[in-house]
Amino acid sequence: MNPRVIAVKPLPCFKLQLTFANQEQKIFDVSSYLTLGIFAELSDPSLFNQVRAFNGSIIWPNELDLDPDTLYLDSQHQ
């Protein structure tokens, strides 16, 4: 099981700075998701920037979320 998200900070260009339970900080690029179905809503910066950590993952106000394993495995070290 991969570490879970404990904090998230939105960055420019639809990227997220993630802090995981093991204290690793990584960058996750959401831009490739913005053309996929409901994820297109996140192209609105005001919605994108409302992201928050929730239950080991991340969530936006429209209840859109991403799998915590995807966040860990597909993010890059700073």
PDB file of N, CA and C in Angstrom:
ATOM      1  N   MET A   1       0.848  -1.181   0.000  1.00  0.00           N
ATOM      2  CA  MET A   1       0.000   0.000   0.000  1.00  0.00           C
ATOM      3  C   MET A   1       0.888   1.237   0.000  1.00  0.00           C
ATOM      4  N   ASN A   2       0.571   2.167  -0.870  1.00  0.00           N
ATOM      5  CA  ASN A   2       1.346   3.399  -0.975  1.00  0.00           C
ATOM      6  C   ASN A   2       0.924   4.394   0.097  1.00  0.00           C
ATOM      7  N   PRO A   3       1.828   5.325   0.436  1.00  0.00           N
ATOM      8  CA  PRO A   3       1.474   6.363   1.417  1.00  0.00           C
ATOM      9  C   PRO A   3       0.287   7.192   0.944  1.00  0.00           C
ATOM     10  N   ARG A   4      -0.472   7.679   1.872  1.00  0.00           N
ATOM     11  CA  ARG A   4      -1.658   8.475   1.569  1.00  0.00           C
ATOM     12  C   ARG A   4      -1.365   9.967   1.687  1.00  0.00           C
ATOM     13  N   VAL A   5      -2.159  10.770   1.010  1.00  0.00           N
ATOM     14  CA  VAL A   5      -2.010  12.223   1.002  1.00  0.00           C
ATOM     15  C   VAL A   5      -2.476  12.796   2.342  1.00  0.00           C
ATOM     16  N   ILE A   6      -1.646  13.684   2.904  1.00  0.00           N
ATOM     17  CA  ILE A   6      -2.050  14.385   4.132  1.00  0.00           C
ATOM     18  C   ILE A   6      -2.200  15.890   3.901  1.00  0.00           C
ATOM     19  N   ALA A   7      -1.646  16.394   2.789  1.00  0.00           N
ATOM     20  CA  ALA A   7      -1.771  17.818   2.468  1.00  0.00           C
ATOM     21  C   ALA A   7      -1.628  18.006   0.960  1.00  0.00           C
ATOM     22  N   VAL A   8      -2.302  19.033   0.454  1.00  0.00           N
ATOM     23  CA  VAL A   8      -2.232  19.352  -0.972  1.00  0.00           C
ATOM     24  C   VAL A   8      -2.228  20.861  -1.131  1.00  0.00           C
ATOM     25  N   LYS A   9      -1.454  21.313  -2.112  1.00  0.00           N
ATOM     26  CA  LYS A   9      -1.381  22.740  -2.431  1.00  0.00           C
ATOM     27  C   LYS A   9      -1.466  22.885  -3.947  1.00  0.00           C
ATOM     28  N   PRO A  10      -2.457  23.643  -4.451  1.00  0.00           N
ATOM     29  CA  PRO A  10      -2.518  23.860  -5.903  1.00  0.00           C
ATOM     30  C   PRO A  10      -1.375  24.756  -6.365  1.00  0.00           C
ATOM     31  N   LEU A  11      -0.833  24.439  -7.516  1.00  0.00           N
ATOM     32  CA  LEU A  11       0.257  25.199  -8.127  1.00  0.00           C
ATOM     33  C   LEU A  11      -0.180  25.685  -9.497  1.00  0.00           C
ATOM     34  N   PRO A  12       0.564  26.594 -10.109  1.00  0.00           N
ATOM     35  CA  PRO A  12       0.245  27.030 -11.482  1.00  0.00           C
ATOM     36  C   PRO A  12       0.300  25.858 -12.462  1.00  0.00           C
ATOM     37  N   CYS A  13      -0.333  26.036 -13.596  1.00  0.00           N
ATOM     38  CA  CYS A  13      -0.319  25.071 -14.699  1.00  0.00           C
ATOM     39  C   CYS A  13      -0.978  23.739 -14.334  1.00  0.00           C
ATOM     40  N   PHE A  14      -1.966  23.802 -13.448  1.00  0.00           N
ATOM     41  CA  PHE A  14      -2.751  22.627 -13.058  1.00  0.00           C
ATOM     42  C   PHE A  14      -1.899  21.511 -12.457  1.00  0.00           C
ATOM     43  N   LYS A  15      -0.988  21.920 -11.615  1.00  0.00           N
ATOM     44  CA  LYS A  15      -0.172  20.963 -10.863  1.00  0.00           C
ATOM     45  C   LYS A  15      -0.519  21.059  -9.388  1.00  0.00           C
ATOM     46  N   LEU A  16      -0.257  19.972  -8.676  1.00  0.00           N
ATOM     47  CA  LEU A  16      -0.521  19.908  -7.245  1.00  0.00           C
ATOM     48  C   LEU A  16       0.738  19.494  -6.501  1.00  0.00           C
ATOM     49  N   GLN A  17       1.021  20.187  -5.422  1.00  0.00           N
ATOM     50  CA  GLN A  17       2.090  19.753  -4.530  1.00  0.00           C
ATOM     51  C   GLN A  17       1.430  18.883  -3.467  1.00  0.00           C
ATOM     52  N   LEU A  18       1.857  17.643  -3.397  1.00  0.00           N
ATOM     53  CA  LEU A  18       1.275  16.678  -2.472  1.00  0.00           C
ATOM     54  C   LEU A  18       2.264  16.333  -1.374  1.00  0.00           C
ATOM     55  N   THR A  19       1.784  16.265  -0.161  1.00  0.00           N
ATOM     56  CA  THR A  19       2.574  15.761   0.954  1.00  0.00           C
ATOM     57  C   THR A  19       1.926  14.450   1.390  1.00  0.00           C
ATOM     58  N   PHE A  20       2.739  13.427   1.467  1.00  0.00           N
ATOM     59  CA  PHE A  20       2.249  12.096   1.817  1.00  0.00           C
ATOM     60  C   PHE A  20       2.557  11.768   3.272  1.00  0.00           C
ATOM     61  N   ALA A  21       1.904  10.750   3.786  1.00  0.00           N
ATOM     62  CA  ALA A  21       2.031  10.361   5.193  1.00  0.00           C
ATOM     63  C   ALA A  21       3.464  10.018   5.579  1.00  0.00           C
ATOM     64  N   ASN A  22       4.286   9.624   4.621  1.00  0.00           N
ATOM     65  CA  ASN A  22       5.688   9.315   4.904  1.00  0.00           C
ATOM     66  C   ASN A  22       6.572  10.561   4.790  1.00  0.00           C
ATOM     67  N   GLN A  23       5.943  11.727   4.673  1.00  0.00           N
ATOM     68  CA  GLN A  23       6.575  13.056   4.577  1.00  0.00           C
ATOM     69  C   GLN A  23       7.213  13.347   3.217  1.00  0.00           C
ATOM     70  N   GLU A  24       7.040  12.466   2.240  1.00  0.00           N
ATOM     71  CA  GLU A  24       7.506  12.777   0.885  1.00  0.00           C
ATOM     72  C   GLU A  24       6.651  13.888   0.309  1.00  0.00           C
ATOM     73  N   GLN A  25       7.283  14.772  -0.450  1.00  0.00           N
ATOM     74  CA  GLN A  25       6.563  15.789  -1.200  1.00  0.00           C
ATOM     75  C   GLN A  25       6.801  15.531  -2.682  1.00  0.00           C
ATOM     76  N   LYS A  26       5.706  15.489  -3.430  1.00  0.00           N
ATOM     77  CA  LYS A  26       5.778  15.207  -4.849  1.00  0.00           C
ATOM     78  C   LYS A  26       4.838  16.148  -5.597  1.00  0.00           C
ATOM     79  N   ILE A  27       5.054  16.250  -6.915  1.00  0.00           N
ATOM     80  CA  ILE A  27       4.230  17.081  -7.778  1.00  0.00           C
ATOM     81  C   ILE A  27       3.407  16.174  -8.702  1.00  0.00           C
ATOM     82  N   PHE A  28       2.102  16.422  -8.725  1.00  0.00           N
ATOM     83  CA  PHE A  28       1.205  15.677  -9.598  1.00  0.00           C
ATOM     84  C   PHE A  28       0.637  16.647 -10.635  1.00  0.00           C
ATOM     85  N   ASP A  29       0.772  16.306 -11.903  1.00  0.00           N
ATOM     86  CA  ASP A  29       0.303  17.141 -13.009  1.00  0.00           C
ATOM     87  C   ASP A  29      -1.092  16.680 -13.432  1.00  0.00           C
ATOM     88  N   VAL A  30      -2.070  17.519 -13.203  1.00  0.00           N
ATOM     89  CA  VAL A  30      -3.461  17.189 -13.515  1.00  0.00           C
ATOM     90  C   VAL A  30      -3.802  17.542 -14.969  1.00  0.00           C
ATOM     91  N   SER A  31      -2.962  18.288 -15.653  1.00  0.00           N
ATOM     92  CA  SER A  31      -3.303  18.820 -16.975  1.00  0.00           C
ATOM     93  C   SER A  31      -3.709  17.744 -17.979  1.00  0.00           C
ATOM     94  N   SER A  32      -3.126  16.569 -17.923  1.00  0.00           N
ATOM     95  CA  SER A  32      -3.487  15.523 -18.887  1.00  0.00           C
ATOM     96  C   SER A  32      -4.882  14.959 -18.633  1.00  0.00           C
ATOM     97  N   TYR A  33      -5.447  15.211 -17.471  1.00  0.00           N
ATOM     98  CA  TYR A  33      -6.791  14.738 -17.143  1.00  0.00           C
ATOM     99  C   TYR A  33      -7.880  15.713 -17.610  1.00  0.00           C
ATOM    100  N   LEU A  34      -7.515  16.941 -17.938  1.00  0.00           N
ATOM    101  CA  LEU A  34      -8.498  17.989 -18.191  1.00  0.00           C
ATOM    102  C   LEU A  34      -9.338  17.772 -19.449  1.00  0.00           C
ATOM    103  N   THR A  35      -8.992  16.812 -20.262  1.00  0.00           N
ATOM    104  CA  THR A  35      -9.779  16.505 -21.458  1.00  0.00           C
ATOM    105  C   THR A  35     -10.626  15.247 -21.266  1.00  0.00           C
ATOM    106  N   LEU A  36     -10.615  14.701 -20.061  1.00  0.00           N
ATOM    107  CA  LEU A  36     -11.319  13.443 -19.791  1.00  0.00           C
ATOM    108  C   LEU A  36     -12.619  13.677 -19.013  1.00  0.00           C
ATOM    109  N   GLY A  37     -13.737  13.596 -19.695  1.00  0.00           N
ATOM    110  CA  GLY A  37     -15.049  13.645 -19.067  1.00  0.00           C
ATOM    111  C   GLY A  37     -15.219  14.734 -18.030  1.00  0.00           C
ATOM    112  N   ILE A  38     -15.607  14.329 -16.834  1.00  0.00           N
ATOM    113  CA  ILE A  38     -15.907  15.271 -15.759  1.00  0.00           C
ATOM    114  C   ILE A  38     -14.679  16.059 -15.299  1.00  0.00           C
ATOM    115  N   PHE A  39     -13.487  15.537 -15.554  1.00  0.00           N
ATOM    116  CA  PHE A  39     -12.273  16.256 -15.163  1.00  0.00           C
ATOM    117  C   PHE A  39     -12.138  17.590 -15.907  1.00  0.00           C
ATOM    118  N   ALA A  40     -12.836  17.749 -17.031  1.00  0.00           N
ATOM    119  CA  ALA A  40     -12.788  19.006 -17.783  1.00  0.00           C
ATOM    120  C   ALA A  40     -13.220  20.188 -16.920  1.00  0.00           C
ATOM    121  N   GLU A  41     -14.077  19.937 -15.931  1.00  0.00           N
ATOM    122  CA  GLU A  41     -14.513  21.006 -15.020  1.00  0.00           C
ATOM    123  C   GLU A  41     -13.330  21.651 -14.303  1.00  0.00           C
ATOM    124  N   LEU A  42     -12.273  20.874 -14.098  1.00  0.00           N
ATOM    125  CA  LEU A  42     -11.112  21.386 -13.362  1.00  0.00           C
ATOM    126  C   LEU A  42     -10.281  22.376 -14.162  1.00  0.00           C
ATOM    127  N   SER A  43     -10.608  22.563 -15.437  1.00  0.00           N
ATOM    128  CA  SER A  43      -9.886  23.565 -16.226  1.00  0.00           C
ATOM    129  C   SER A  43     -10.245  24.984 -15.779  1.00  0.00           C
ATOM    130  N   ASP A  44     -11.262  25.108 -14.952  1.00  0.00           N
ATOM    131  CA  ASP A  44     -11.611  26.389 -14.328  1.00  0.00           C
ATOM    132  C   ASP A  44     -10.694  26.565 -13.113  1.00  0.00           C
ATOM    133  N   PRO A  45      -9.742  27.496 -13.185  1.00  0.00           N
ATOM    134  CA  PRO A  45      -8.781  27.657 -12.084  1.00  0.00           C
ATOM    135  C   PRO A  45      -9.437  27.895 -10.720  1.00  0.00           C
ATOM    136  N   SER A  46     -10.576  28.572 -10.699  1.00  0.00           N
ATOM    137  CA  SER A  46     -11.217  28.827  -9.407  1.00  0.00           C
ATOM    138  C   SER A  46     -11.698  27.523  -8.770  1.00  0.00           C
ATOM    139  N   LEU A  47     -12.134  26.559  -9.560  1.00  0.00           N
ATOM    140  CA  LEU A  47     -12.519  25.250  -9.027  1.00  0.00           C
ATOM    141  C   LEU A  47     -11.274  24.423  -8.715  1.00  0.00           C
ATOM    142  N   PHE A  48     -10.325  24.407  -9.638  1.00  0.00           N
ATOM    143  CA  PHE A  48      -9.100  23.628  -9.434  1.00  0.00           C
ATOM    144  C   PHE A  48      -8.421  24.000  -8.112  1.00  0.00           C
ATOM    145  N   ASN A  49      -8.373  25.281  -7.816  1.00  0.00           N
ATOM    146  CA  ASN A  49      -7.670  25.755  -6.621  1.00  0.00           C
ATOM    147  C   ASN A  49      -8.399  25.454  -5.315  1.00  0.00           C
ATOM    148  N   GLN A  50      -9.598  24.894  -5.375  1.00  0.00           N
ATOM    149  CA  GLN A  50     -10.338  24.537  -4.171  1.00  0.00           C
ATOM    150  C   GLN A  50     -10.055  23.104  -3.709  1.00  0.00           C
ATOM    151  N   VAL A  51      -9.063  22.471  -4.284  1.00  0.00           N
ATOM    152  CA  VAL A  51      -8.701  21.111  -3.905  1.00  0.00           C
ATOM    153  C   VAL A  51      -8.320  21.050  -2.420  1.00  0.00           C
ATOM    154  N   ARG A  52      -8.615  19.896  -1.806  1.00  0.00           N
ATOM    155  CA  ARG A  52      -8.208  19.699  -0.416  1.00  0.00           C
ATOM    156  C   ARG A  52      -7.922  18.222  -0.180  1.00  0.00           C
ATOM    157  N   ALA A  53      -7.097  17.962   0.815  1.00  0.00           N
ATOM    158  CA  ALA A  53      -6.821  16.581   1.204  1.00  0.00           C
ATOM    159  C   ALA A  53      -8.041  16.039   1.943  1.00  0.00           C
ATOM    160  N   PHE A  54      -8.370  14.779   1.660  1.00  0.00           N
ATOM    161  CA  PHE A  54      -9.529  14.161   2.299  1.00  0.00           C
ATOM    162  C   PHE A  54      -9.359  12.650   2.328  1.00  0.00           C
ATOM    163  N   ASN A  55      -9.352  12.088   3.515  1.00  0.00           N
ATOM    164  CA  ASN A  55      -9.361  10.632   3.690  1.00  0.00           C
ATOM    165  C   ASN A  55      -8.234   9.936   2.920  1.00  0.00           C
ATOM    166  N   GLY A  56      -7.047  10.530   2.919  1.00  0.00           N
ATOM    167  CA  GLY A  56      -5.882   9.919   2.278  1.00  0.00           C
ATOM    168  C   GLY A  56      -5.726  10.227   0.805  1.00  0.00           C
ATOM    169  N   SER A  57      -6.662  10.986   0.257  1.00  0.00           N
ATOM    170  CA  SER A  57      -6.611  11.347  -1.148  1.00  0.00           C
ATOM    171  C   SER A  57      -6.852  12.850  -1.267  1.00  0.00           C
ATOM    172  N   ILE A  58      -7.363  13.268  -2.422  1.00  0.00           N
ATOM    173  CA  ILE A  58      -7.725  14.672  -2.619  1.00  0.00           C
ATOM    174  C   ILE A  58      -9.135  14.725  -3.177  1.00  0.00           C
ATOM    175  N   ILE A  59      -9.789  15.870  -2.966  1.00  0.00           N
ATOM    176  CA  ILE A  59     -11.156  16.033  -3.443  1.00  0.00           C
ATOM    177  C   ILE A  59     -11.399  17.502  -3.773  1.00  0.00           C
ATOM    178  N   TRP A  60     -12.284  17.720  -4.737  1.00  0.00           N
ATOM    179  CA  TRP A  60     -12.731  19.064  -5.076  1.00  0.00           C
ATOM    180  C   TRP A  60     -14.185  19.221  -4.643  1.00  0.00           C
ATOM    181  N   PRO A  61     -14.706  20.460  -4.580  1.00  0.00           N
ATOM    182  CA  PRO A  61     -16.077  20.684  -4.121  1.00  0.00           C
ATOM    183  C   PRO A  61     -17.147  19.945  -4.934  1.00  0.00           C
ATOM    184  N   ASN A  62     -16.898  19.648  -6.184  1.00  0.00           N
ATOM    185  CA  ASN A  62     -17.864  18.918  -7.005  1.00  0.00           C
ATOM    186  C   ASN A  62     -17.777  17.406  -6.776  1.00  0.00           C
ATOM    187  N   GLU A  63     -17.086  17.006  -5.700  1.00  0.00           N
ATOM    188  CA  GLU A  63     -16.894  15.611  -5.279  1.00  0.00           C
ATOM    189  C   GLU A  63     -16.027  14.802  -6.238  1.00  0.00           C
ATOM    190  N   LEU A  64     -15.315  15.467  -7.103  1.00  0.00           N
ATOM    191  CA  LEU A  64     -14.363  14.811  -7.981  1.00  0.00           C
ATOM    192  C   LEU A  64     -13.121  14.493  -7.177  1.00  0.00           C
ATOM    193  N   ASP A  65     -12.600  13.276  -7.331  1.00  0.00           N
ATOM    194  CA  ASP A  65     -11.406  12.889  -6.582  1.00  0.00           C
ATOM    195  C   ASP A  65     -10.501  12.040  -7.468  1.00  0.00           C
ATOM    196  N   LEU A  66      -9.334  11.744  -6.946  1.00  0.00           N
ATOM    197  CA  LEU A  66      -8.373  10.878  -7.639  1.00  0.00           C
ATOM    198  C   LEU A  66      -7.913   9.791  -6.684  1.00  0.00           C
ATOM    199  N   ASP A  67      -7.624   8.635  -7.232  1.00  0.00           N
ATOM    200  CA  ASP A  67      -7.175   7.494  -6.447  1.00  0.00           C
ATOM    201  C   ASP A  67      -5.833   7.813  -5.777  1.00  0.00           C
ATOM    202  N   PRO A  68      -5.701   7.539  -4.477  1.00  0.00           N
ATOM    203  CA  PRO A  68      -4.449   7.858  -3.792  1.00  0.00           C
ATOM    204  C   PRO A  68      -3.235   7.102  -4.347  1.00  0.00           C
ATOM    205  N   ASP A  69      -3.436   5.880  -4.850  1.00  0.00           N
ATOM    206  CA  ASP A  69      -2.309   5.155  -5.450  1.00  0.00           C
ATOM    207  C   ASP A  69      -1.859   5.829  -6.737  1.00  0.00           C
ATOM    208  N   THR A  70      -2.801   6.293  -7.537  1.00  0.00           N
ATOM    209  CA  THR A  70      -2.461   7.040  -8.753  1.00  0.00           C
ATOM    210  C   THR A  70      -1.674   8.288  -8.403  1.00  0.00           C
ATOM    211  N   LEU A  71      -2.125   9.004  -7.379  1.00  0.00           N
ATOM    212  CA  LEU A  71      -1.434  10.229  -6.969  1.00  0.00           C
ATOM    213  C   LEU A  71       0.010   9.938  -6.584  1.00  0.00           C
ATOM    214  N   TYR A  72       0.230   8.875  -5.864  1.00  0.00           N
ATOM    215  CA  TYR A  72       1.586   8.563  -5.413  1.00  0.00           C
ATOM    216  C   TYR A  72       2.450   8.052  -6.573  1.00  0.00           C
ATOM    217  N   LEU A  73       1.921   7.106  -7.330  1.00  0.00           N
ATOM    218  CA  LEU A  73       2.735   6.465  -8.376  1.00  0.00           C
ATOM    219  C   LEU A  73       2.996   7.365  -9.580  1.00  0.00           C
ATOM    220  N   ASP A  74       2.059   8.261  -9.897  1.00  0.00           N
ATOM    221  CA  ASP A  74       2.193   9.098 -11.090  1.00  0.00           C
ATOM    222  C   ASP A  74       2.719  10.497 -10.806  1.00  0.00           C
ATOM    223  N   SER A  75       3.087  10.774  -9.576  1.00  0.00           N
ATOM    224  CA  SER A  75       3.643  12.083  -9.261  1.00  0.00           C
ATOM    225  C   SER A  75       5.174  12.031  -9.284  1.00  0.00           C
ATOM    226  N   GLN A  76       5.764  13.208  -9.387  1.00  0.00           N
ATOM    227  CA  GLN A  76       7.220  13.315  -9.508  1.00  0.00           C
ATOM    228  C   GLN A  76       7.803  13.956  -8.256  1.00  0.00           C
ATOM    229  N   HIS A  77       8.993  13.513  -7.876  1.00  0.00           N
ATOM    230  CA  HIS A  77       9.676  14.152  -6.757  1.00  0.00           C
ATOM    231  C   HIS A  77      10.039  15.579  -7.144  1.00  0.00           C
ATOM    232  N   GLN A  78      10.028  16.443  -6.160  1.00  0.00           N
ATOM    233  CA  GLN A  78      10.352  17.853  -6.401  1.00  0.00           C
ATOM    234  C   GLN A  78      11.806  18.011  -6.724  1.00  0.00           C
TER     235      GLN A  78
END
